[in-house]
């Protein structure tokens, strides 16, 4: 392992400190997930950005919070819009040019 650390250019202390910080972060994220679940029970249509504003976590930024929650599946399912915007019917427009005699320019 020492040779690997030396090749990468980091120390054992850095790896240990990173592991410790990551463990604390994971614990706080798991607590945040429990709070997010409680919030979703009360407000099922609450989006992730609004959830960030309501929970207001002090240990994680907005973009990382949104990315983490999206990865965990907190995305809101989009409702399909069933409203019709066009009326598809058979419309017939007669050919007005057919049989027209053109005698001068700009008659058409």
PDB file of N, CA and C in Angstrom:
ATOM      1  N   UNK A   1       0.820  -1.192   0.000  1.00  0.00           N
ATOM      2  CA  UNK A   1       0.000   0.000   0.000  1.00  0.00           C
ATOM      3  C   UNK A   1       0.867   1.259   0.000  1.00  0.00           C
ATOM      4  N   UNK A   2       1.999   1.189   0.689  1.00  0.00           N
ATOM      5  CA  UNK A   2       2.868   2.360   0.742  1.00  0.00           C
ATOM      6  C   UNK A   2       3.347   2.751  -0.648  1.00  0.00           C
ATOM      7  N   UNK A   3       3.657   1.744  -1.462  1.00  0.00           N
ATOM      8  CA  UNK A   3       4.125   2.035  -2.810  1.00  0.00           C
ATOM      9  C   UNK A   3       2.998   2.646  -3.650  1.00  0.00           C
ATOM     10  N   UNK A   4       1.777   2.184  -3.442  1.00  0.00           N
ATOM     11  CA  UNK A   4       0.629   2.751  -4.149  1.00  0.00           C
ATOM     12  C   UNK A   4       0.435   4.218  -3.761  1.00  0.00           C
ATOM     13  N   UNK A   5       0.485   4.503  -2.474  1.00  0.00           N
ATOM     14  CA  UNK A   5       0.366   5.891  -2.015  1.00  0.00           C
ATOM     15  C   UNK A   5       1.473   6.752  -2.616  1.00  0.00           C
ATOM     16  N   UNK A   6       2.670   6.214  -2.648  1.00  0.00           N
ATOM     17  CA  UNK A   6       3.810   6.959  -3.178  1.00  0.00           C
ATOM     18  C   UNK A   6       3.639   7.215  -4.681  1.00  0.00           C
ATOM     19  N   UNK A   7       3.120   6.214  -5.405  1.00  0.00           N
ATOM     20  CA  UNK A   7       2.911   6.359  -6.843  1.00  0.00           C
ATOM     21  C   UNK A   7       1.844   7.419  -7.136  1.00  0.00           C
ATOM     22  N   UNK A   8       0.772   7.380  -6.369  1.00  0.00           N
ATOM     23  CA  UNK A   8      -0.313   8.346  -6.571  1.00  0.00           C
ATOM     24  C   UNK A   8       0.102   9.735  -6.101  1.00  0.00           C
ATOM     25  N   UNK A   9       0.924   9.776  -5.095  1.00  0.00           N
ATOM     26  CA  UNK A   9       1.391  11.062  -4.590  1.00  0.00           C
ATOM     27  C   UNK A   9       0.582  11.579  -3.421  1.00  0.00           C
ATOM     28  N   UNK A  10      -0.032  10.655  -2.651  1.00  0.00           N
ATOM     29  CA  UNK A  10      -0.769  11.066  -1.460  1.00  0.00           C
ATOM     30  C   UNK A  10      -0.230  10.310  -0.262  1.00  0.00           C
ATOM     31  N   UNK A  11      -0.572  10.798   0.915  1.00  0.00           N
ATOM     32  CA  UNK A  11      -0.059  10.167   2.130  1.00  0.00           C
ATOM     33  C   UNK A  11      -1.141   9.315   2.786  1.00  0.00           C
ATOM     34  N   UNK A  12      -0.725   8.472   3.721  1.00  0.00           N
ATOM     35  CA  UNK A  12      -1.674   7.658   4.482  1.00  0.00           C
ATOM     36  C   UNK A  12      -2.594   8.559   5.296  1.00  0.00           C
ATOM     37  N   UNK A  13      -2.015   9.629   5.792  1.00  0.00           N
ATOM     38  CA  UNK A  13      -2.791  10.559   6.604  1.00  0.00           C
ATOM     39  C   UNK A  13      -3.926  11.176   5.778  1.00  0.00           C
ATOM     40  N   UNK A  14      -3.641  11.524   4.537  1.00  0.00           N
ATOM     41  CA  UNK A  14      -4.666  12.108   3.668  1.00  0.00           C
ATOM     42  C   UNK A  14      -5.789  11.115   3.407  1.00  0.00           C
ATOM     43  N   UNK A  15      -5.431   9.860   3.189  1.00  0.00           N
ATOM     44  CA  UNK A  15      -6.439   8.825   2.954  1.00  0.00           C
ATOM     45  C   UNK A  15      -7.285   8.629   4.200  1.00  0.00           C
ATOM     46  N   UNK A  16      -6.651   8.602   5.348  1.00  0.00           N
ATOM     47  CA  UNK A  16      -7.365   8.423   6.611  1.00  0.00           C
ATOM     48  C   UNK A  16      -8.305   9.597   6.876  1.00  0.00           C
ATOM     49  N   UNK A  17      -7.822  10.807   6.657  1.00  0.00           N
ATOM     50  CA  UNK A  17      -8.657  11.983   6.876  1.00  0.00           C
ATOM     51  C   UNK A  17      -9.839  12.013   5.908  1.00  0.00           C
ATOM     52  N   UNK A  18      -9.607  11.623   4.659  1.00  0.00           N
ATOM     53  CA  UNK A  18     -10.688  11.575   3.679  1.00  0.00           C
ATOM     54  C   UNK A  18     -11.743  10.556   4.097  1.00  0.00           C
ATOM     55  N   UNK A  19     -11.307   9.384   4.551  1.00  0.00           N
ATOM     56  CA  UNK A  19     -12.251   8.346   4.972  1.00  0.00           C
ATOM     57  C   UNK A  19     -13.078   8.827   6.163  1.00  0.00           C
ATOM     58  N   UNK A  20     -12.438   9.519   7.085  1.00  0.00           N
ATOM     59  CA  UNK A  20     -13.144  10.027   8.260  1.00  0.00           C
ATOM     60  C   UNK A  20     -14.169  11.097   7.853  1.00  0.00           C
ATOM     61  N   UNK A  21     -13.750  12.023   6.984  1.00  0.00           N
ATOM     62  CA  UNK A  21     -14.676  13.065   6.513  1.00  0.00           C
ATOM     63  C   UNK A  21     -15.844  12.455   5.740  1.00  0.00           C
ATOM     64  N   UNK A  22     -15.549  11.450   4.924  1.00  0.00           N
ATOM     65  CA  UNK A  22     -16.598  10.813   4.126  1.00  0.00           C
ATOM     66  C   UNK A  22     -17.594  10.076   5.015  1.00  0.00           C
ATOM     67  N   UNK A  23     -17.121   9.455   6.086  1.00  0.00           N
ATOM     68  CA  UNK A  23     -18.018   8.756   7.011  1.00  0.00           C
ATOM     69  C   UNK A  23     -18.958   9.747   7.695  1.00  0.00           C
ATOM     70  N   UNK A  24     -18.424  10.892   8.103  1.00  0.00           N
ATOM     71  CA  UNK A  24     -19.264  11.921   8.729  1.00  0.00           C
ATOM     72  C   UNK A  24     -20.280  12.449   7.721  1.00  0.00           C
ATOM     73  N   UNK A  25     -19.833  12.695   6.496  1.00  0.00           N
ATOM     74  CA  UNK A  25     -20.725  13.202   5.453  1.00  0.00           C
ATOM     75  C   UNK A  25     -21.835  12.198   5.156  1.00  0.00           C
ATOM     76  N   UNK A  26     -21.492  10.912   5.052  1.00  0.00           N
ATOM     77  CA  UNK A  26     -22.494   9.882   4.773  1.00  0.00           C
ATOM     78  C   UNK A  26     -23.529   9.801   5.886  1.00  0.00           C
ATOM     79  N   UNK A  27     -23.083   9.949   7.124  1.00  0.00           N
ATOM     80  CA  UNK A  27     -24.019   9.940   8.250  1.00  0.00           C
ATOM     81  C   UNK A  27     -24.982  11.114   8.193  1.00  0.00           C
ATOM     82  N   UNK A  28     -24.465  12.281   7.853  1.00  0.00           N
ATOM     83  CA  UNK A  28     -25.320  13.460   7.771  1.00  0.00           C
ATOM     84  C   UNK A  28     -26.275  13.365   6.582  1.00  0.00           C
ATOM     85  N   UNK A  29     -25.820  12.776   5.484  1.00  0.00           N
ATOM     86  CA  UNK A  29     -26.698  12.600   4.320  1.00  0.00           C
ATOM     87  C   UNK A  29     -27.812  11.613   4.644  1.00  0.00           C
ATOM     88  N   UNK A  30     -27.505  10.555   5.371  1.00  0.00           N
ATOM     89  CA  UNK A  30     -28.553   9.595   5.742  1.00  0.00           C
ATOM     90  C   UNK A  30     -29.594  10.259   6.642  1.00  0.00           C
ATOM     91  N   UNK A  31     -29.163  11.143   7.533  1.00  0.00           N
ATOM     92  CA  UNK A  31     -30.108  11.890   8.365  1.00  0.00           C
ATOM     93  C   UNK A  31     -30.949  12.833   7.495  1.00  0.00           C
ATOM     94  N   UNK A  32     -30.319  13.439   6.512  1.00  0.00           N
ATOM     95  CA  UNK A  32     -31.020  14.339   5.601  1.00  0.00           C
ATOM     96  C   UNK A  32     -32.053  13.579   4.765  1.00  0.00           C
ATOM     97  N   UNK A  33     -31.743  12.354   4.392  1.00  0.00           N
ATOM     98  CA  UNK A  33     -32.678  11.534   3.622  1.00  0.00           C
ATOM     99  C   UNK A  33     -33.918  11.223   4.450  1.00  0.00           C
ATOM    100  N   UNK A  34     -33.733  10.959   5.736  1.00  0.00           N
ATOM    101  CA  UNK A  34     -34.888  10.719   6.608  1.00  0.00           C
ATOM    102  C   UNK A  34     -35.775  11.963   6.681  1.00  0.00           C
ATOM    103  N   UNK A  35     -35.155  13.131   6.792  1.00  0.00           N
ATOM    104  CA  UNK A  35     -35.927  14.374   6.813  1.00  0.00           C
ATOM    105  C   UNK A  35     -36.635  14.593   5.479  1.00  0.00           C
ATOM    106  N   UNK A  36     -35.983  14.252   4.376  1.00  0.00           N
ATOM    107  CA  UNK A  36     -36.590  14.405   3.054  1.00  0.00           C
ATOM    108  C   UNK A  36     -37.775  13.457   2.888  1.00  0.00           C
ATOM    109  N   UNK A  37     -37.671  12.249   3.434  1.00  0.00           N
ATOM    110  CA  UNK A  37     -38.796  11.312   3.377  1.00  0.00           C
ATOM    111  C   UNK A  37     -39.995  11.848   4.147  1.00  0.00           C
ATOM    112  N   UNK A  38     -39.741  12.425   5.321  1.00  0.00           N
ATOM    113  CA  UNK A  38     -40.830  13.012   6.105  1.00  0.00           C
ATOM    114  C   UNK A  38     -41.473  14.174   5.351  1.00  0.00           C
ATOM    115  N   UNK A  39     -40.648  14.979   4.708  1.00  0.00           N
ATOM    116  CA  UNK A  39     -41.166  16.113   3.941  1.00  0.00           C
ATOM    117  C   UNK A  39     -41.984  15.629   2.753  1.00  0.00           C
ATOM    118  N   UNK A  40     -41.551  14.576   2.093  1.00  0.00           N
ATOM    119  CA  UNK A  40     -42.282  14.038   0.943  1.00  0.00           C
ATOM    120  C   UNK A  40     -43.624  13.434   1.354  1.00  0.00           C
ATOM    121  N   UNK A  41     -43.703  12.895   2.569  1.00  0.00           N
ATOM    122  CA  UNK A  41     -44.992  12.376   3.033  1.00  0.00           C
ATOM    123  C   UNK A  41     -46.006  13.502   3.165  1.00  0.00           C
ATOM    124  N   UNK A  42     -45.564  14.648   3.691  1.00  0.00           N
ATOM    125  CA  UNK A  42     -46.468  15.782   3.864  1.00  0.00           C
ATOM    126  C   UNK A  42     -46.723  16.509   2.548  1.00  0.00           C
ATOM    127  N   UNK A  43     -45.701  16.622   1.711  1.00  0.00           N
ATOM    128  CA  UNK A  43     -45.797  17.354   0.447  1.00  0.00           C
ATOM    129  C   UNK A  43     -45.264  16.482  -0.692  1.00  0.00           C
ATOM    130  N   UNK A  44     -46.106  15.613  -1.259  1.00  0.00           N
ATOM    131  CA  UNK A  44     -45.607  14.695  -2.295  1.00  0.00           C
ATOM    132  C   UNK A  44     -45.186  15.389  -3.588  1.00  0.00           C
ATOM    133  N   UNK A  45     -45.663  16.585  -3.848  1.00  0.00           N
ATOM    134  CA  UNK A  45     -45.305  17.277  -5.077  1.00  0.00           C
ATOM    135  C   UNK A  45     -44.143  18.235  -4.920  1.00  0.00           C
ATOM    136  N   UNK A  46     -43.479  18.183  -3.788  1.00  0.00           N
ATOM    137  CA  UNK A  46     -42.374  19.104  -3.516  1.00  0.00           C
ATOM    138  C   UNK A  46     -41.153  18.676  -4.329  1.00  0.00           C
ATOM    139  N   UNK A  47     -40.614  19.609  -5.102  1.00  0.00           N
ATOM    140  CA  UNK A  47     -39.445  19.317  -5.917  1.00  0.00           C
ATOM    141  C   UNK A  47     -38.167  19.358  -5.102  1.00  0.00           C
ATOM    142  N   UNK A  48     -37.078  18.969  -5.730  1.00  0.00           N
ATOM    143  CA  UNK A  48     -35.804  18.856  -5.022  1.00  0.00           C
ATOM    144  C   UNK A  48     -35.255  20.235  -4.653  1.00  0.00           C
ATOM    145  N   UNK A  49     -35.395  21.211  -5.537  1.00  0.00           N
ATOM    146  CA  UNK A  49     -34.875  22.545  -5.219  1.00  0.00           C
ATOM    147  C   UNK A  49     -35.657  23.183  -4.078  1.00  0.00           C
ATOM    148  N   UNK A  50     -36.967  23.014  -4.076  1.00  0.00           N
ATOM    149  CA  UNK A  50     -37.771  23.544  -2.978  1.00  0.00           C
ATOM    150  C   UNK A  50     -37.469  22.782  -1.695  1.00  0.00           C
ATOM    151  N   UNK A  51     -37.200  21.491  -1.834  1.00  0.00           N
ATOM    152  CA  UNK A  51     -36.830  20.683  -0.676  1.00  0.00           C
ATOM    153  C   UNK A  51     -35.535  21.214  -0.055  1.00  0.00           C
ATOM    154  N   UNK A  52     -34.606  21.630  -0.904  1.00  0.00           N
ATOM    155  CA  UNK A  52     -33.352  22.204  -0.398  1.00  0.00           C
ATOM    156  C   UNK A  52     -33.631  23.487   0.379  1.00  0.00           C
ATOM    157  N   UNK A  53     -34.526  24.331  -0.145  1.00  0.00           N
ATOM    158  CA  UNK A  53     -34.852  25.579   0.538  1.00  0.00           C
ATOM    159  C   UNK A  53     -35.538  25.328   1.878  1.00  0.00           C
ATOM    160  N   UNK A  54     -36.378  24.311   1.943  1.00  0.00           N
ATOM    161  CA  UNK A  54     -37.095  24.018   3.189  1.00  0.00           C
ATOM    162  C   UNK A  54     -36.167  23.379   4.215  1.00  0.00           C
ATOM    163  N   UNK A  55     -35.408  22.363   3.800  1.00  0.00           N
ATOM    164  CA  UNK A  55     -34.529  21.660   4.743  1.00  0.00           C
ATOM    165  C   UNK A  55     -33.311  22.506   5.114  1.00  0.00           C
ATOM    166  N   UNK A  56     -32.809  23.268   4.155  1.00  0.00           N
ATOM    167  CA  UNK A  56     -31.676  24.176   4.352  1.00  0.00           C
ATOM    168  C   UNK A  56     -30.491  23.509   5.061  1.00  0.00           C
ATOM    169  N   UNK A  57     -29.906  22.458   4.466  1.00  0.00           N
ATOM    170  CA  UNK A  57     -28.759  21.801   5.105  1.00  0.00           C
ATOM    171  C   UNK A  57     -27.525  22.694   5.054  1.00  0.00           C
ATOM    172  N   UNK A  58     -26.770  22.716   6.146  1.00  0.00           N
ATOM    173  CA  UNK A  58     -25.615  23.603   6.219  1.00  0.00           C
ATOM    174  C   UNK A  58     -24.320  22.928   5.783  1.00  0.00           C
ATOM    175  N   UNK A  59     -24.327  21.634   5.575  1.00  0.00           N
ATOM    176  CA  UNK A  59     -23.094  20.908   5.259  1.00  0.00           C
ATOM    177  C   UNK A  59     -22.949  20.566   3.787  1.00  0.00           C
ATOM    178  N   UNK A  60     -23.956  20.873   2.980  1.00  0.00           N
ATOM    179  CA  UNK A  60     -23.932  20.500   1.570  1.00  0.00           C
ATOM    180  C   UNK A  60     -24.487  21.665   0.756  1.00  0.00           C
ATOM    181  N   UNK A  61     -23.903  21.890  -0.408  1.00  0.00           N
ATOM    182  CA  UNK A  61     -24.353  22.968  -1.275  1.00  0.00           C
ATOM    183  C   UNK A  61     -25.583  22.575  -2.079  1.00  0.00           C
ATOM    184  N   UNK A  62     -26.180  23.567  -2.723  1.00  0.00           N
ATOM    185  CA  UNK A  62     -27.414  23.338  -3.459  1.00  0.00           C
ATOM    186  C   UNK A  62     -27.232  22.347  -4.604  1.00  0.00           C
ATOM    187  N   UNK A  63     -26.197  22.545  -5.418  1.00  0.00           N
ATOM    188  CA  UNK A  63     -26.007  21.688  -6.588  1.00  0.00           C
ATOM    189  C   UNK A  63     -25.695  20.249  -6.192  1.00  0.00           C
ATOM    190  N   UNK A  64     -24.881  20.070  -5.173  1.00  0.00           N
ATOM    191  CA  UNK A  64     -24.561  18.709  -4.737  1.00  0.00           C
ATOM    192  C   UNK A  64     -25.781  18.055  -4.092  1.00  0.00           C
ATOM    193  N   UNK A  65     -26.584  18.840  -3.381  1.00  0.00           N
ATOM    194  CA  UNK A  65     -27.823  18.321  -2.798  1.00  0.00           C
ATOM    195  C   UNK A  65     -28.758  17.838  -3.899  1.00  0.00           C
ATOM    196  N   UNK A  66     -28.927  18.661  -4.934  1.00  0.00           N
ATOM    197  CA  UNK A  66     -29.823  18.294  -6.029  1.00  0.00           C
ATOM    198  C   UNK A  66     -29.308  17.052  -6.744  1.00  0.00           C
ATOM    199  N   UNK A  67     -28.017  17.004  -7.005  1.00  0.00           N
ATOM    200  CA  UNK A  67     -27.438  15.842  -7.685  1.00  0.00           C
ATOM    201  C   UNK A  67     -27.601  14.574  -6.847  1.00  0.00           C
ATOM    202  N   UNK A  68     -27.356  14.683  -5.543  1.00  0.00           N
ATOM    203  CA  UNK A  68     -27.478  13.523  -4.658  1.00  0.00           C
ATOM    204  C   UNK A  68     -28.917  13.031  -4.601  1.00  0.00           C
ATOM    205  N   UNK A  69     -29.858  13.955  -4.449  1.00  0.00           N
ATOM    206  CA  UNK A  69     -31.263  13.555  -4.342  1.00  0.00           C
ATOM    207  C   UNK A  69     -31.790  12.986  -5.658  1.00  0.00           C
ATOM    208  N   UNK A  70     -31.339  13.534  -6.774  1.00  0.00           N
ATOM    209  CA  UNK A  70     -31.753  12.984  -8.068  1.00  0.00           C
ATOM    210  C   UNK A  70     -31.202  11.574  -8.254  1.00  0.00           C
ATOM    211  N   UNK A  71     -29.968  11.355  -7.806  1.00  0.00           N
ATOM    212  CA  UNK A  71     -29.385  10.017  -7.900  1.00  0.00           C
ATOM    213  C   UNK A  71     -30.130   9.024  -7.015  1.00  0.00           C
ATOM    214  N   UNK A  72     -30.683   9.515  -5.904  1.00  0.00           N
ATOM    215  CA  UNK A  72     -31.413   8.645  -4.986  1.00  0.00           C
ATOM    216  C   UNK A  72     -32.864   8.437  -5.411  1.00  0.00           C
ATOM    217  N   UNK A  73     -33.307   9.103  -6.466  1.00  0.00           N
ATOM    218  CA  UNK A  73     -34.648   8.866  -6.995  1.00  0.00           C
ATOM    219  C   UNK A  73     -35.716   9.789  -6.451  1.00  0.00           C
ATOM    220  N   UNK A  74     -35.370  10.991  -6.050  1.00  0.00           N
ATOM    221  CA  UNK A  74     -36.353  11.928  -5.524  1.00  0.00           C
ATOM    222  C   UNK A  74     -36.938  12.829  -6.606  1.00  0.00           C
ATOM    223  N   UNK A  75     -36.781  12.450  -7.845  1.00  0.00           N
ATOM    224  CA  UNK A  75     -37.329  13.234  -8.953  1.00  0.00           C
ATOM    225  C   UNK A  75     -38.850  13.074  -8.960  1.00  0.00           C
ATOM    226  N   UNK A  76     -39.547  14.152  -9.290  1.00  0.00           N
ATOM    227  CA  UNK A  76     -41.005  14.103  -9.373  1.00  0.00           C
ATOM    228  C   UNK A  76     -41.385  13.613 -10.759  1.00  0.00           C
ATOM    229  N   UNK A  77     -42.343  12.711 -10.811  1.00  0.00           N
ATOM    230  CA  UNK A  77     -42.792  12.194 -12.091  1.00  0.00           C
ATOM    231  C   UNK A  77     -43.650  13.255 -12.782  1.00  0.00           C
ATOM    232  N   UNK A  78     -43.342  13.518 -14.027  1.00  0.00           N
ATOM    233  CA  UNK A  78     -44.059  14.533 -14.787  1.00  0.00           C
ATOM    234  C   UNK A  78     -45.408  13.984 -15.219  1.00  0.00           C
ATOM    235  N   UNK A  79     -46.452  14.787 -15.064  1.00  0.00           N
ATOM    236  CA  UNK A  79     -47.780  14.370 -15.489  1.00  0.00           C
ATOM    237  C   UNK A  79     -47.911  14.579 -16.991  1.00  0.00           C
ATOM    238  N   UNK A  80     -48.528  13.617 -17.660  1.00  0.00           N
ATOM    239  CA  UNK A  80     -48.713  13.726 -19.101  1.00  0.00           C
ATOM    240  C   UNK A  80     -49.882  14.657 -19.375  1.00  0.00           C
ATOM    241  N   UNK A  81     -49.688  15.556 -20.314  1.00  0.00           N
ATOM    242  CA  UNK A  81     -50.728  16.491 -20.701  1.00  0.00           C
ATOM    243  C   UNK A  81     -51.589  15.832 -21.777  1.00  0.00           C
ATOM    244  N   UNK A  82     -52.831  15.522 -21.419  1.00  0.00           N
ATOM    245  CA  UNK A  82     -53.718  14.850 -22.355  1.00  0.00           C
ATOM    246  C   UNK A  82     -54.592  15.835 -23.137  1.00  0.00           C
ATOM    247  N   UNK A  83     -54.429  17.117 -22.903  1.00  0.00           N
ATOM    248  CA  UNK A  83     -55.239  18.105 -23.591  1.00  0.00           C
ATOM    249  C   UNK A  83     -54.815  18.176 -25.059  1.00  0.00           C
ATOM    250  N   UNK A  84     -55.810  18.128 -25.946  1.00  0.00           N
ATOM    251  CA  UNK A  84     -55.516  18.181 -27.377  1.00  0.00           C
ATOM    252  C   UNK A  84     -55.351  19.619 -27.802  1.00  0.00           C
ATOM    253  N   UNK A  85     -54.340  19.857 -28.576  1.00  0.00           N
ATOM    254  CA  UNK A  85     -54.091  21.215 -29.044  1.00  0.00           C
ATOM    255  C   UNK A  85     -54.448  21.387 -30.510  1.00  0.00           C
ATOM    256  N   UNK A  86     -54.603  20.303 -31.232  1.00  0.00           N
ATOM    257  CA  UNK A  86     -54.991  20.397 -32.641  1.00  0.00           C
ATOM    258  C   UNK A  86     -56.169  19.470 -32.887  1.00  0.00           C
ATOM    259  N   UNK A  87     -56.981  19.839 -33.833  1.00  0.00           N
ATOM    260  CA  UNK A  87     -58.112  18.997 -34.209  1.00  0.00           C
ATOM    261  C   UNK A  87     -57.789  18.434 -35.586  1.00  0.00           C
ATOM    262  N   UNK A  88     -57.481  17.163 -35.605  1.00  0.00           N
ATOM    263  CA  UNK A  88     -57.105  16.526 -36.861  1.00  0.00           C
ATOM    264  C   UNK A  88     -58.378  16.089 -37.574  1.00  0.00           C
ATOM    265  N   UNK A  89     -58.718  16.777 -38.626  1.00  0.00           N
ATOM    266  CA  UNK A  89     -59.892  16.430 -39.415  1.00  0.00           C
ATOM    267  C   UNK A  89     -59.547  16.483 -40.891  1.00  0.00           C
ATOM    268  N   UNK A  90     -60.447  15.970 -41.705  1.00  0.00           N
ATOM    269  CA  UNK A  90     -60.201  15.994 -43.143  1.00  0.00           C
ATOM    270  C   UNK A  90     -60.720  17.314 -43.688  1.00  0.00           C
ATOM    271  N   UNK A  91     -59.812  18.130 -44.125  1.00  0.00           N
ATOM    272  CA  UNK A  91     -60.183  19.407 -44.721  1.00  0.00           C
ATOM    273  C   UNK A  91     -59.816  19.352 -46.199  1.00  0.00           C
ATOM    274  N   UNK A  92     -60.706  19.847 -47.024  1.00  0.00           N
ATOM    275  CA  UNK A  92     -60.484  19.834 -48.462  1.00  0.00           C
ATOM    276  C   UNK A  92     -60.460  21.268 -48.954  1.00  0.00           C
ATOM    277  N   UNK A  93     -59.385  21.617 -49.600  1.00  0.00           N
ATOM    278  CA  UNK A  93     -59.258  22.938 -50.198  1.00  0.00           C
ATOM    279  C   UNK A  93     -59.182  22.750 -51.706  1.00  0.00           C
ATOM    280  N   UNK A  94     -60.114  23.328 -52.430  1.00  0.00           N
ATOM    281  CA  UNK A  94     -60.101  23.139 -53.893  1.00  0.00           C
ATOM    282  C   UNK A  94     -58.928  23.874 -54.531  1.00  0.00           C
ATOM    283  N   UNK A  95     -58.494  23.363 -55.677  1.00  0.00           N
ATOM    284  CA  UNK A  95     -57.391  23.960 -56.417  1.00  0.00           C
ATOM    285  C   UNK A  95     -57.929  25.145 -57.209  1.00  0.00           C
ATOM    286  N   UNK A  96     -57.596  26.350 -56.760  1.00  0.00           N
ATOM    287  CA  UNK A  96     -58.105  27.556 -57.407  1.00  0.00           C
ATOM    288  C   UNK A  96     -57.302  27.934 -58.645  1.00  0.00           C
ATOM    289  N   UNK A  97     -56.123  27.355 -58.811  1.00  0.00           N
ATOM    290  CA  UNK A  97     -55.273  27.690 -59.952  1.00  0.00           C
ATOM    291  C   UNK A  97     -55.652  26.867 -61.179  1.00  0.00           C
ATOM    292  N   UNK A  98     -56.221  25.708 -60.961  1.00  0.00           N
ATOM    293  CA  UNK A  98     -56.546  24.808 -62.065  1.00  0.00           C
ATOM    294  C   UNK A  98     -57.610  25.450 -62.967  1.00  0.00           C
ATOM    295  N   UNK A  99     -57.299  25.548 -64.242  1.00  0.00           N
ATOM    296  CA  UNK A  99     -58.222  26.123 -65.219  1.00  0.00           C
ATOM    297  C   UNK A  99     -58.170  27.638 -65.283  1.00  0.00           C
ATOM    298  N   UNK A 100     -57.272  28.276 -64.539  1.00  0.00           N
ATOM    299  CA  UNK A 100     -57.168  29.735 -64.546  1.00  0.00           C
ATOM    300  C   UNK A 100     -56.322  30.179 -65.725  1.00  0.00           C
ATOM    301  N   UNK A 101     -56.810  31.142 -66.472  1.00  0.00           N
ATOM    302  CA  UNK A 101     -56.068  31.672 -67.616  1.00  0.00           C
ATOM    303  C   UNK A 101     -55.254  32.861 -67.140  1.00  0.00           C
ATOM    304  N   UNK A 102     -53.948  32.796 -67.394  1.00  0.00           N
ATOM    305  CA  UNK A 102     -53.051  33.871 -66.992  1.00  0.00           C
ATOM    306  C   UNK A 102     -52.754  34.706 -68.224  1.00  0.00           C
ATOM    307  N   UNK A 103     -53.212  35.960 -68.218  1.00  0.00           N
ATOM    308  CA  UNK A 103     -53.053  36.852 -69.362  1.00  0.00           C
ATOM    309  C   UNK A 103     -51.967  37.899 -69.150  1.00  0.00           C
ATOM    310  N   UNK A 104     -51.667  38.202 -67.895  1.00  0.00           N
ATOM    311  CA  UNK A 104     -50.713  39.277 -67.596  1.00  0.00           C
ATOM    312  C   UNK A 104     -49.896  38.871 -66.367  1.00  0.00           C
ATOM    313  N   UNK A 105     -48.778  39.565 -66.134  1.00  0.00           N
ATOM    314  CA  UNK A 105     -48.010  39.261 -64.923  1.00  0.00           C
ATOM    315  C   UNK A 105     -48.781  39.678 -63.665  1.00  0.00           C
ATOM    316  N   UNK A 106     -48.472  39.039 -62.568  1.00  0.00           N
ATOM    317  CA  UNK A 106     -49.062  39.304 -61.244  1.00  0.00           C
ATOM    318  C   UNK A 106     -50.564  39.064 -61.199  1.00  0.00           C
ATOM    319  N   UNK A 107     -51.043  38.107 -61.962  1.00  0.00           N
ATOM    320  CA  UNK A 107     -52.462  37.764 -61.936  1.00  0.00           C
ATOM    321  C   UNK A 107     -52.728  36.697 -60.880  1.00  0.00           C
ATOM    322  N   UNK A 108     -51.795  35.864 -60.662  1.00  0.00           N
ATOM    323  CA  UNK A 108     -51.961  34.728 -59.761  1.00  0.00           C
ATOM    324  C   UNK A 108     -52.103  35.149 -58.342  1.00  0.00           C
TER     325      UNK A 108
END
